[in-house]
């Protein structure tokens, strides 16, 4: 559990299990809204289940980040958690990575693809 802004300008969030998960997402949204315009990596390592309320908060965070031109990447999601996103059709809304290093690589790849020579 915790929020950390890396030297690469990436906000990493280690989510706690429900019911604290929703509160943590609200804090992250406020941090982003308060001017921390950066990409966000959300680590689901400690999450067993995701409620509809938390999914709604993830959707709001994703929309806010998109408005700033940044990405939300979810990583370390258990198969059951990923299944929830697939069943609801949200697997095409959110970006997923296997783990934090893969999420960072995805962000780097996204940033490099925006550079024009």
N, C-alpha and C. Protein backbone atom coordinates (compact mmCIF):
# COMPACT_ATOMS: atom_id res chain seq x y z
N UNK A 1 0.84 -1.17 0.00
CA UNK A 1 0.00 0.00 0.00
C UNK A 1 0.89 1.23 0.00
N UNK A 2 0.57 2.16 -0.86
CA UNK A 2 1.33 3.39 -0.88
C UNK A 2 1.34 4.01 -2.26
N UNK A 3 1.70 5.29 -2.27
CA UNK A 3 1.78 6.07 -3.49
C UNK A 3 3.18 6.65 -3.56
N UNK A 4 3.81 6.51 -4.73
CA UNK A 4 5.17 6.98 -4.88
C UNK A 4 5.34 7.60 -6.26
N UNK A 5 5.94 8.79 -6.31
CA UNK A 5 6.25 9.44 -7.58
C UNK A 5 7.71 9.16 -7.88
N UNK A 6 7.96 8.42 -8.96
CA UNK A 6 9.33 8.02 -9.30
C UNK A 6 10.09 9.18 -9.93
N UNK A 7 11.39 9.00 -10.04
CA UNK A 7 12.24 10.01 -10.68
C UNK A 7 11.93 10.11 -12.17
N UNK A 8 11.25 9.10 -12.72
CA UNK A 8 10.87 9.12 -14.12
C UNK A 8 9.53 9.81 -14.34
N UNK A 9 8.96 10.36 -13.28
CA UNK A 9 7.68 11.05 -13.40
C UNK A 9 6.49 10.11 -13.52
N UNK A 10 6.62 8.92 -12.96
CA UNK A 10 5.54 7.95 -12.99
C UNK A 10 5.04 7.74 -11.57
N UNK A 11 3.75 7.91 -11.38
CA UNK A 11 3.13 7.71 -10.09
C UNK A 11 2.79 6.23 -9.96
N UNK A 12 3.39 5.55 -8.98
CA UNK A 12 3.07 4.14 -8.76
C UNK A 12 2.21 4.01 -7.50
N UNK A 13 1.23 3.15 -7.59
CA UNK A 13 0.27 2.98 -6.50
C UNK A 13 0.15 1.50 -6.19
N UNK A 14 0.45 1.13 -4.96
CA UNK A 14 0.25 -0.24 -4.51
C UNK A 14 -1.10 -0.27 -3.79
N UNK A 15 -2.08 -0.84 -4.45
CA UNK A 15 -3.43 -0.84 -3.89
C UNK A 15 -3.58 -1.82 -2.73
N UNK A 16 -4.30 -1.40 -1.70
CA UNK A 16 -4.66 -2.33 -0.62
C UNK A 16 -5.90 -3.12 -1.05
N UNK A 17 -6.21 -4.19 -0.34
CA UNK A 17 -7.43 -4.93 -0.65
C UNK A 17 -8.68 -4.11 -0.31
N UNK A 18 -9.81 -4.56 -0.84
CA UNK A 18 -11.09 -3.94 -0.48
C UNK A 18 -11.28 -4.10 1.03
N UNK A 19 -11.90 -3.19 1.72
CA UNK A 19 -12.60 -2.01 1.25
C UNK A 19 -11.73 -0.76 1.15
N UNK A 20 -10.46 -0.83 1.53
CA UNK A 20 -9.59 0.35 1.48
C UNK A 20 -9.21 0.75 0.06
N UNK A 21 -9.36 -0.17 -0.89
CA UNK A 21 -8.99 0.07 -2.27
C UNK A 21 -9.66 1.32 -2.82
N UNK A 22 -10.94 1.47 -2.59
CA UNK A 22 -11.67 2.64 -3.09
C UNK A 22 -11.15 3.94 -2.53
N UNK A 23 -10.83 3.97 -1.25
CA UNK A 23 -10.29 5.18 -0.62
C UNK A 23 -8.94 5.55 -1.21
N UNK A 24 -8.11 4.55 -1.47
CA UNK A 24 -6.79 4.78 -2.05
C UNK A 24 -6.93 5.37 -3.46
N UNK A 25 -7.89 4.86 -4.24
CA UNK A 25 -8.11 5.39 -5.58
C UNK A 25 -8.60 6.84 -5.55
N UNK A 26 -9.40 7.17 -4.54
CA UNK A 26 -9.84 8.56 -4.39
C UNK A 26 -8.65 9.48 -4.10
N UNK A 27 -7.72 9.02 -3.28
CA UNK A 27 -6.52 9.81 -2.97
C UNK A 27 -5.70 10.01 -4.24
N UNK A 28 -5.51 8.95 -5.00
CA UNK A 28 -4.73 9.05 -6.24
C UNK A 28 -5.38 10.04 -7.20
N UNK A 29 -6.70 9.98 -7.32
CA UNK A 29 -7.42 10.90 -8.20
C UNK A 29 -7.21 12.34 -7.75
N UNK A 30 -7.25 12.59 -6.46
CA UNK A 30 -7.01 13.94 -5.95
C UNK A 30 -5.58 14.40 -6.21
N UNK A 31 -4.62 13.50 -6.08
CA UNK A 31 -3.22 13.84 -6.37
C UNK A 31 -3.08 14.24 -7.83
N UNK A 32 -3.67 13.46 -8.72
CA UNK A 32 -3.61 13.76 -10.15
C UNK A 32 -4.33 15.07 -10.45
N UNK A 33 -5.50 15.23 -9.87
CA UNK A 33 -6.28 16.45 -10.09
C UNK A 33 -5.53 17.67 -9.54
N UNK A 34 -4.73 17.47 -8.49
CA UNK A 34 -3.99 18.56 -7.87
C UNK A 34 -2.74 18.98 -8.62
N UNK A 35 -2.49 18.38 -9.77
CA UNK A 35 -1.38 18.84 -10.58
C UNK A 35 -0.28 17.84 -10.82
N UNK A 36 -0.40 16.65 -10.29
CA UNK A 36 0.64 15.64 -10.55
C UNK A 36 0.32 14.99 -11.89
N UNK A 37 0.52 15.75 -12.95
CA UNK A 37 0.22 15.27 -14.30
C UNK A 37 1.31 14.31 -14.73
N UNK A 38 1.01 13.04 -14.61
CA UNK A 38 1.99 12.03 -14.96
C UNK A 38 1.25 10.73 -15.27
N UNK A 39 1.97 9.78 -15.81
CA UNK A 39 1.42 8.45 -16.01
C UNK A 39 1.29 7.77 -14.65
N UNK A 40 0.31 6.87 -14.54
CA UNK A 40 0.07 6.19 -13.28
C UNK A 40 0.09 4.67 -13.50
N UNK A 41 0.85 3.99 -12.65
CA UNK A 41 0.89 2.52 -12.65
C UNK A 41 0.24 2.06 -11.36
N UNK A 42 -0.79 1.24 -11.48
CA UNK A 42 -1.52 0.73 -10.32
C UNK A 42 -1.20 -0.75 -10.16
N UNK A 43 -0.63 -1.09 -9.01
CA UNK A 43 -0.21 -2.46 -8.69
C UNK A 43 -1.31 -3.16 -7.91
N UNK A 44 -1.82 -4.24 -8.48
CA UNK A 44 -2.92 -5.01 -7.88
C UNK A 44 -2.43 -6.22 -7.08
N UNK A 45 -1.16 -6.27 -6.72
CA UNK A 45 -0.59 -7.45 -6.04
C UNK A 45 -1.37 -7.89 -4.81
N UNK A 46 -1.87 -6.94 -4.03
CA UNK A 46 -2.57 -7.27 -2.78
C UNK A 46 -4.09 -7.30 -2.92
N UNK A 47 -4.57 -7.23 -4.15
CA UNK A 47 -6.02 -7.14 -4.39
C UNK A 47 -6.56 -8.51 -4.80
N UNK A 48 -7.56 -8.98 -4.05
CA UNK A 48 -8.20 -10.25 -4.36
C UNK A 48 -9.47 -10.07 -5.19
N UNK A 49 -10.20 -9.01 -4.88
CA UNK A 49 -11.48 -8.75 -5.52
C UNK A 49 -11.61 -7.25 -5.76
N UNK A 50 -12.33 -6.91 -6.82
CA UNK A 50 -12.55 -5.50 -7.14
C UNK A 50 -14.06 -5.28 -7.21
N UNK A 51 -14.55 -4.32 -6.43
CA UNK A 51 -15.98 -4.03 -6.43
C UNK A 51 -16.34 -3.11 -7.59
N UNK A 52 -17.62 -3.03 -7.88
CA UNK A 52 -18.08 -2.13 -8.94
C UNK A 52 -17.77 -0.68 -8.59
N UNK A 53 -17.81 -0.35 -7.32
CA UNK A 53 -17.48 1.00 -6.88
C UNK A 53 -16.02 1.34 -7.20
N UNK A 54 -15.12 0.39 -6.96
CA UNK A 54 -13.71 0.62 -7.25
C UNK A 54 -13.45 0.67 -8.76
N UNK A 55 -14.17 -0.14 -9.52
CA UNK A 55 -14.05 -0.08 -10.98
C UNK A 55 -14.48 1.29 -11.47
N UNK A 56 -15.55 1.81 -10.90
CA UNK A 56 -16.02 3.15 -11.26
C UNK A 56 -14.95 4.20 -10.97
N UNK A 57 -14.27 4.07 -9.85
CA UNK A 57 -13.20 5.02 -9.49
C UNK A 57 -12.01 4.88 -10.44
N UNK A 58 -11.71 3.66 -10.86
CA UNK A 58 -10.65 3.46 -11.85
C UNK A 58 -11.02 4.11 -13.18
N UNK A 59 -12.27 3.98 -13.57
CA UNK A 59 -12.74 4.61 -14.81
C UNK A 59 -12.60 6.14 -14.74
N UNK A 60 -12.97 6.72 -13.61
CA UNK A 60 -12.84 8.17 -13.44
C UNK A 60 -11.38 8.60 -13.49
N UNK A 61 -10.50 7.84 -12.83
CA UNK A 61 -9.09 8.14 -12.85
C UNK A 61 -8.53 8.03 -14.26
N UNK A 62 -8.93 6.99 -14.98
CA UNK A 62 -8.48 6.80 -16.35
C UNK A 62 -8.92 7.97 -17.24
N UNK A 63 -10.15 8.41 -17.08
CA UNK A 63 -10.67 9.54 -17.86
C UNK A 63 -9.89 10.82 -17.54
N UNK A 64 -9.66 11.07 -16.28
CA UNK A 64 -8.91 12.25 -15.86
C UNK A 64 -7.50 12.24 -16.46
N UNK A 65 -6.82 11.11 -16.36
CA UNK A 65 -5.48 11.01 -16.92
C UNK A 65 -5.49 11.20 -18.43
N UNK A 66 -6.49 10.63 -19.10
CA UNK A 66 -6.60 10.79 -20.55
C UNK A 66 -6.76 12.25 -20.95
N UNK A 67 -7.51 12.99 -20.14
CA UNK A 67 -7.69 14.42 -20.41
C UNK A 67 -6.37 15.18 -20.35
N UNK A 68 -5.43 14.70 -19.51
CA UNK A 68 -4.11 15.30 -19.39
C UNK A 68 -3.12 14.71 -20.40
N UNK A 69 -3.57 13.71 -21.18
CA UNK A 69 -2.69 13.07 -22.15
C UNK A 69 -1.77 12.02 -21.52
N UNK A 70 -2.19 11.47 -20.39
CA UNK A 70 -1.38 10.47 -19.69
C UNK A 70 -2.11 9.15 -19.63
N UNK A 71 -1.41 8.13 -19.19
CA UNK A 71 -1.94 6.77 -19.19
C UNK A 71 -2.08 6.21 -17.77
N UNK A 72 -3.03 5.30 -17.64
CA UNK A 72 -3.21 4.49 -16.43
C UNK A 72 -2.93 3.05 -16.84
N UNK A 73 -1.95 2.44 -16.18
CA UNK A 73 -1.61 1.05 -16.49
C UNK A 73 -1.78 0.21 -15.23
N UNK A 74 -2.51 -0.88 -15.36
CA UNK A 74 -2.76 -1.79 -14.25
C UNK A 74 -1.81 -2.97 -14.35
N UNK A 75 -1.19 -3.34 -13.24
CA UNK A 75 -0.24 -4.47 -13.28
C UNK A 75 -0.45 -5.39 -12.09
N UNK A 76 0.15 -6.58 -12.21
CA UNK A 76 0.11 -7.60 -11.16
C UNK A 76 -1.31 -8.00 -10.76
N UNK A 77 -2.23 -7.96 -11.70
CA UNK A 77 -3.61 -8.36 -11.41
C UNK A 77 -3.72 -9.88 -11.42
N UNK A 78 -4.38 -10.41 -10.41
CA UNK A 78 -4.62 -11.85 -10.34
C UNK A 78 -5.53 -12.26 -11.51
N UNK A 79 -5.45 -13.51 -11.95
CA UNK A 79 -6.31 -13.96 -13.05
C UNK A 79 -7.80 -13.69 -12.82
N UNK A 80 -8.26 -13.87 -11.59
CA UNK A 80 -9.68 -13.61 -11.29
C UNK A 80 -10.01 -12.13 -11.46
N UNK A 81 -9.08 -11.26 -11.07
CA UNK A 81 -9.29 -9.82 -11.22
C UNK A 81 -9.31 -9.45 -12.69
N UNK A 82 -8.36 -9.97 -13.45
CA UNK A 82 -8.35 -9.71 -14.89
C UNK A 82 -9.64 -10.23 -15.53
N UNK A 83 -10.14 -11.35 -15.02
CA UNK A 83 -11.38 -11.92 -15.53
C UNK A 83 -12.56 -10.98 -15.35
N UNK A 84 -12.58 -10.27 -14.24
CA UNK A 84 -13.65 -9.29 -14.00
C UNK A 84 -13.62 -8.21 -15.08
N UNK A 85 -12.43 -7.74 -15.41
CA UNK A 85 -12.30 -6.72 -16.44
C UNK A 85 -12.70 -7.27 -17.81
N UNK A 86 -12.38 -8.52 -18.08
CA UNK A 86 -12.75 -9.12 -19.37
C UNK A 86 -14.25 -9.33 -19.49
N UNK A 87 -14.85 -9.84 -18.44
CA UNK A 87 -16.30 -10.09 -18.45
C UNK A 87 -17.09 -8.80 -18.66
N UNK A 88 -16.61 -7.72 -18.05
CA UNK A 88 -17.31 -6.44 -18.17
C UNK A 88 -16.95 -5.68 -19.45
N UNK A 89 -15.99 -6.21 -20.22
CA UNK A 89 -15.57 -5.54 -21.44
C UNK A 89 -14.60 -4.40 -21.20
N UNK A 90 -14.13 -4.26 -19.96
CA UNK A 90 -13.23 -3.16 -19.63
C UNK A 90 -11.76 -3.49 -19.91
N UNK A 91 -11.52 -4.71 -20.37
CA UNK A 91 -10.14 -5.06 -20.73
C UNK A 91 -9.66 -4.27 -21.95
N UNK A 92 -10.59 -3.70 -22.70
CA UNK A 92 -10.20 -2.86 -23.85
C UNK A 92 -10.13 -1.39 -23.46
N UNK A 93 -10.61 -1.05 -22.27
CA UNK A 93 -10.56 0.33 -21.78
C UNK A 93 -9.26 0.58 -21.03
N UNK A 94 -8.85 -0.39 -20.24
CA UNK A 94 -7.65 -0.25 -19.42
C UNK A 94 -6.46 -0.93 -20.10
N UNK A 95 -5.27 -0.43 -19.79
CA UNK A 95 -4.04 -1.05 -20.26
C UNK A 95 -3.51 -1.92 -19.12
N UNK A 96 -3.05 -3.12 -19.47
CA UNK A 96 -2.55 -4.06 -18.49
C UNK A 96 -1.09 -4.41 -18.78
N UNK A 97 -0.34 -4.64 -17.72
CA UNK A 97 1.03 -5.13 -17.83
C UNK A 97 1.20 -6.23 -16.80
N UNK A 98 2.12 -7.14 -17.07
CA UNK A 98 2.33 -8.28 -16.16
C UNK A 98 2.83 -7.83 -14.80
N UNK A 99 3.75 -6.85 -14.79
CA UNK A 99 4.33 -6.38 -13.54
C UNK A 99 4.80 -4.93 -13.71
N UNK A 100 5.38 -4.35 -12.64
CA UNK A 100 5.82 -2.96 -12.69
C UNK A 100 6.86 -2.68 -13.77
N UNK A 101 7.91 -3.50 -13.88
CA UNK A 101 8.88 -3.23 -14.95
C UNK A 101 8.24 -3.24 -16.35
N UNK A 102 7.30 -4.14 -16.56
CA UNK A 102 6.61 -4.20 -17.86
C UNK A 102 5.75 -2.95 -18.06
N UNK A 103 5.13 -2.47 -16.98
CA UNK A 103 4.32 -1.25 -17.07
C UNK A 103 5.20 -0.05 -17.40
N UNK A 104 6.36 0.04 -16.74
CA UNK A 104 7.29 1.14 -17.01
C UNK A 104 7.78 1.08 -18.46
N UNK A 105 8.05 -0.13 -18.95
CA UNK A 105 8.50 -0.30 -20.34
C UNK A 105 7.39 0.12 -21.31
N UNK A 106 6.16 -0.20 -20.98
CA UNK A 106 5.03 0.20 -21.82
C UNK A 106 4.90 1.72 -21.88
N UNK A 107 5.07 2.36 -20.75
CA UNK A 107 5.01 3.83 -20.71
C UNK A 107 6.15 4.42 -21.53
N UNK A 108 7.34 3.86 -21.38
CA UNK A 108 8.48 4.36 -22.14
C UNK A 108 8.22 4.18 -23.64
N UNK A 109 7.66 3.04 -24.02
CA UNK A 109 7.36 2.76 -25.42
C UNK A 109 6.32 3.75 -25.94
N UNK A 110 5.31 4.02 -25.15
CA UNK A 110 4.28 4.99 -25.53
C UNK A 110 4.90 6.36 -25.71
N UNK A 111 5.75 6.77 -24.77
CA UNK A 111 6.38 8.09 -24.86
C UNK A 111 7.29 8.19 -26.08
N UNK A 112 8.04 7.15 -26.38
CA UNK A 112 8.93 7.16 -27.53
C UNK A 112 8.16 7.20 -28.84
N UNK A 113 6.99 6.58 -28.88
CA UNK A 113 6.20 6.56 -30.12
C UNK A 113 5.62 7.94 -30.43
N UNK A 114 5.58 8.82 -29.44
CA UNK A 114 5.06 10.17 -29.66
C UNK A 114 6.12 11.14 -30.17
N UNK A 115 7.38 10.71 -30.19
CA UNK A 115 8.46 11.57 -30.65
C UNK A 115 8.57 11.48 -32.16
N UNK A 116 8.61 12.63 -32.80
CA UNK A 116 8.73 12.66 -34.26
C UNK A 116 10.09 13.20 -34.63
N UNK A 117 10.72 12.56 -35.60
CA UNK A 117 12.05 13.00 -36.04
C UNK A 117 11.94 13.70 -37.37
